[in-house]
Protein backbone atom coordinates (compact mmCIF):
# COMPACT_ATOMS: atom_id res chain seq x y z
CA MET A 1 -9.06 -1.41 10.69
CA GLU A 2 -9.76 -5.10 10.28
CA TRP A 3 -8.48 -6.59 7.02
CA ILE A 4 -10.98 -8.67 5.08
CA PRO A 5 -9.17 -11.34 3.08
CA PRO A 6 -10.41 -11.80 -0.51
CA LYS A 7 -10.66 -15.55 0.10
CA ALA A 8 -10.30 -18.00 2.95
CA ILE A 9 -6.74 -18.57 4.12
CA ASP A 10 -5.95 -21.56 6.32
CA ASN A 11 -3.75 -21.27 9.41
CA LYS A 12 -0.96 -23.36 7.88
CA THR A 13 -0.66 -20.91 4.98
CA LEU A 14 -0.68 -17.94 7.37
CA ALA A 15 2.07 -19.59 9.43
CA ARG A 16 4.16 -19.93 6.27
CA ALA A 17 3.57 -16.27 5.34
CA ALA A 18 4.47 -15.16 8.88
CA ARG A 19 8.09 -16.31 8.39
CA VAL A 20 8.73 -14.32 5.18
CA LYS A 21 11.67 -11.90 5.25
CA LEU A 22 12.14 -11.72 1.45
CA ALA A 23 9.34 -11.55 -1.13
CA ILE A 24 10.24 -12.44 -4.72
CA LEU A 25 8.05 -11.18 -7.53
CA ASP A 26 7.77 -12.29 -11.15
CA ILE A 27 6.80 -9.62 -13.68
CA ASP A 28 4.92 -10.87 -16.75
CA GLY A 29 1.60 -12.36 -15.67
CA VAL A 30 2.08 -11.32 -12.04
CA MET A 31 2.94 -7.61 -11.85
CA THR A 32 1.39 -7.26 -15.33
CA ASP A 33 -1.54 -9.08 -16.88
CA GLY A 34 0.88 -11.00 -19.09
CA SER A 35 0.09 -9.06 -22.26
CA LEU A 36 3.02 -7.76 -24.28
CA TYR A 37 2.35 -4.51 -26.13
CA TYR A 38 4.88 -3.69 -28.85
CA GLY A 39 5.41 -0.07 -29.84
CA THR A 40 6.23 0.93 -33.41
CA ASP A 41 9.94 0.86 -32.61
CA GLY A 42 9.66 -2.68 -31.21
CA GLU A 43 9.86 -1.65 -27.55
CA VAL A 44 7.67 -3.68 -25.22
CA VAL A 45 5.31 -1.54 -23.16
CA LYS A 46 4.20 -2.87 -19.77
CA VAL A 47 1.27 -1.76 -17.63
CA PHE A 48 1.58 -1.92 -13.83
CA HIS A 49 -1.20 -1.57 -11.26
CA VAL A 50 -0.94 1.16 -8.65
CA LEU A 51 -2.44 -1.11 -5.96
CA ASP A 52 0.44 -3.54 -6.40
CA GLY A 53 2.93 -0.70 -6.06
CA HIS A 54 1.44 0.50 -2.80
CA GLY A 55 1.32 -3.06 -1.48
CA ILE A 56 5.03 -3.39 -2.21
CA LYS A 57 5.77 -0.13 -0.41
CA MET A 58 3.74 -1.23 2.64
CA LEU A 59 5.49 -4.61 2.68
CA THR A 60 8.85 -2.83 2.60
CA GLU A 61 7.70 -0.73 5.57
CA SER A 62 7.00 -4.03 7.34
CA ASN A 63 10.71 -4.91 7.07
CA VAL A 64 10.32 -7.46 4.29
CA GLU A 65 12.85 -7.16 1.48
CA ILE A 66 11.54 -7.24 -2.08
CA ALA A 67 13.19 -8.79 -5.13
CA ILE A 68 12.22 -9.10 -8.77
CA ILE A 69 13.37 -12.12 -10.76
CA SER A 70 12.20 -12.04 -14.37
CA GLY A 71 13.16 -13.97 -17.45
CA ARG A 72 12.73 -10.89 -19.64
CA SER A 73 14.75 -7.67 -19.62
CA SER A 74 12.86 -4.40 -19.79
CA PRO A 75 13.71 -0.75 -19.17
CA ALA A 76 10.14 -0.33 -17.91
CA VAL A 77 10.72 -2.92 -15.19
CA THR A 78 14.01 -1.32 -14.21
CA LYS A 79 12.22 2.05 -13.87
CA ARG A 80 9.31 0.55 -11.93
CA ALA A 81 11.70 -1.23 -9.55
CA LYS A 82 13.60 2.02 -8.97
CA ASP A 83 10.35 3.94 -8.36
CA LEU A 84 9.32 1.36 -5.75
CA GLY A 85 12.74 1.23 -4.06
CA ILE A 86 13.38 -2.39 -5.07
CA THR A 87 17.14 -2.92 -5.04
CA HIS A 88 17.19 -6.65 -5.80
CA CYS A 89 16.19 -6.67 -9.47
CA TYR A 90 17.31 -9.55 -11.68
CA LEU A 91 16.18 -9.30 -15.29
CA GLY A 92 16.92 -11.65 -18.15
CA ALA A 93 17.25 -14.54 -15.70
CA GLU A 94 17.43 -17.69 -17.82
CA ASP A 95 17.69 -19.91 -14.72
CA LYS A 96 15.46 -18.37 -12.07
CA GLY A 97 16.29 -21.13 -9.58
CA ALA A 98 20.01 -20.33 -9.74
CA VAL A 99 19.37 -16.60 -9.26
CA TYR A 100 17.05 -17.41 -6.33
CA ARG A 101 19.66 -19.58 -4.60
CA VAL A 102 22.40 -16.95 -4.96
CA LEU A 103 20.10 -14.18 -3.71
CA ARG A 104 18.85 -16.23 -0.75
CA GLU A 105 22.36 -17.21 0.26
CA SER A 106 23.66 -13.64 -0.13
CA LEU A 107 20.97 -12.49 2.32
CA SER A 108 21.65 -15.45 4.65
CA LEU A 109 18.04 -16.59 4.53
CA LYS A 110 16.59 -20.06 4.88
CA GLU A 111 14.07 -21.28 2.31
CA GLU A 112 11.22 -20.93 4.81
CA GLN A 113 12.01 -17.20 5.13
CA VAL A 114 11.29 -16.54 1.46
CA GLY A 115 7.94 -15.91 -0.20
CA ALA A 116 7.45 -15.83 -3.96
CA ILE A 117 4.69 -15.27 -6.48
CA GLY A 118 4.86 -16.51 -10.07
CA ASP A 119 2.61 -17.72 -12.84
CA ASP A 120 4.34 -20.26 -15.05
CA VAL A 121 6.62 -23.30 -15.12
CA VAL A 122 9.76 -21.13 -15.29
CA ASP A 123 8.87 -19.90 -11.77
CA LEU A 124 8.61 -23.39 -10.26
CA PRO A 125 12.33 -23.63 -9.34
CA ILE A 126 11.59 -20.77 -6.94
CA LEU A 127 8.00 -21.57 -5.98
CA LYS A 128 8.79 -25.16 -5.01
CA HIS A 129 11.75 -24.16 -2.84
CA CYS A 130 10.45 -21.30 -0.72
CA GLY A 131 8.45 -21.15 2.46
CA PHE A 132 5.38 -19.35 1.10
CA SER A 133 4.55 -19.59 -2.58
CA ALA A 134 1.67 -18.05 -4.51
CA SER A 135 0.33 -17.91 -8.02
CA VAL A 136 -2.42 -16.14 -9.93
CA PRO A 137 -5.75 -17.47 -11.25
CA ALA A 138 -4.55 -17.47 -14.89
CA ALA A 139 -1.58 -19.72 -14.11
CA PRO A 140 -1.75 -23.25 -15.52
CA ALA A 141 -3.43 -25.72 -13.16
CA TYR A 142 -0.19 -27.66 -12.65
CA VAL A 143 1.53 -24.47 -11.45
CA GLN A 144 -1.37 -23.63 -9.13
CA SER A 145 -1.17 -27.15 -7.69
CA GLN A 146 2.44 -26.54 -6.61
CA VAL A 147 1.85 -23.37 -4.55
CA HIS A 148 0.47 -22.64 -1.11
CA TYR A 149 -1.88 -19.84 -2.19
CA VAL A 150 -3.61 -18.75 -5.40
CA THR A 151 -4.66 -15.12 -5.35
CA ALA A 152 -8.24 -14.07 -6.02
CA ALA A 153 -6.94 -11.06 -7.99
CA GLY A 154 -5.42 -11.55 -11.40
CA GLY A 155 -1.90 -10.71 -12.49
CA GLY A 156 -1.57 -6.99 -13.13
CA HIS A 157 -4.87 -6.43 -11.32
CA GLY A 158 -3.91 -6.52 -7.65
CA ALA A 159 -2.41 -10.01 -7.28
CA VAL A 160 0.85 -8.63 -5.89
CA ARG A 161 -1.06 -6.39 -3.47
CA GLU A 162 -3.00 -9.42 -2.24
CA PHE A 163 0.22 -11.45 -1.85
CA CYS A 164 1.78 -8.58 0.14
CA GLU A 165 -1.32 -8.19 2.32
CA VAL A 166 -1.39 -11.89 3.19
CA ILE A 167 2.23 -11.64 4.38
CA MET A 168 1.64 -8.41 6.32
CA HIS A 169 -1.54 -9.79 7.93
CA ALA A 170 0.22 -13.01 8.93
CA GLN A 171 3.02 -10.99 10.53
CA GLY A 172 0.64 -8.62 12.35
CA HIS A 173 1.72 -5.54 10.36
CA LEU A 174 -1.21 -4.97 8.00
CA GLU A 175 -3.91 -3.75 10.35
CA PRO A 176 -1.69 -1.09 12.02
CA LEU A 177 -0.65 0.14 8.56
CA LEU A 178 -4.30 0.36 7.49
CA ASP A 179 -5.17 2.21 10.69
CA ARG A 180 -2.89 5.07 9.60
CA TYR A 181 -5.27 5.76 6.74
CA THR A 182 -8.48 5.62 8.77
CA ALA A 183 -7.44 7.55 11.88
């Protein structure tokens, strides 16, 4: 099955995505829509999109490692990461750039082998120092101006799926994966 990208992607961006061996995801505003729902006991409730989850699973099948680096701690994120088989999960990261550098070095990866998607200034220490960076439409304009790709889908509404599909398409893995569902 031929993948139809949600927006035009230039060859330079695809070349960047083709080198990705580790995809780093932010949570609030990327895997969620950025809203924080507080329960009566003060617990924050997060809503995740099933399309993003399946995109993550397909990207993992394509031999790309997945990591979460989030500034907030949340039992819901820990559970979601476990459900998706994400073993690199860093929550409460006050300095995302420092966590990124340690993770990248521990996996012996070069900057150009890392892709990341974020939505705010706290993500820039990662987004500006990886090979393929993406953001979402609701991100501030100055964040969008620093990345290689801005998704058509919003955070919490398929942005992560789109990010994963761009990487898989660039690496030649997406269409064979899609063919499994149409055969």
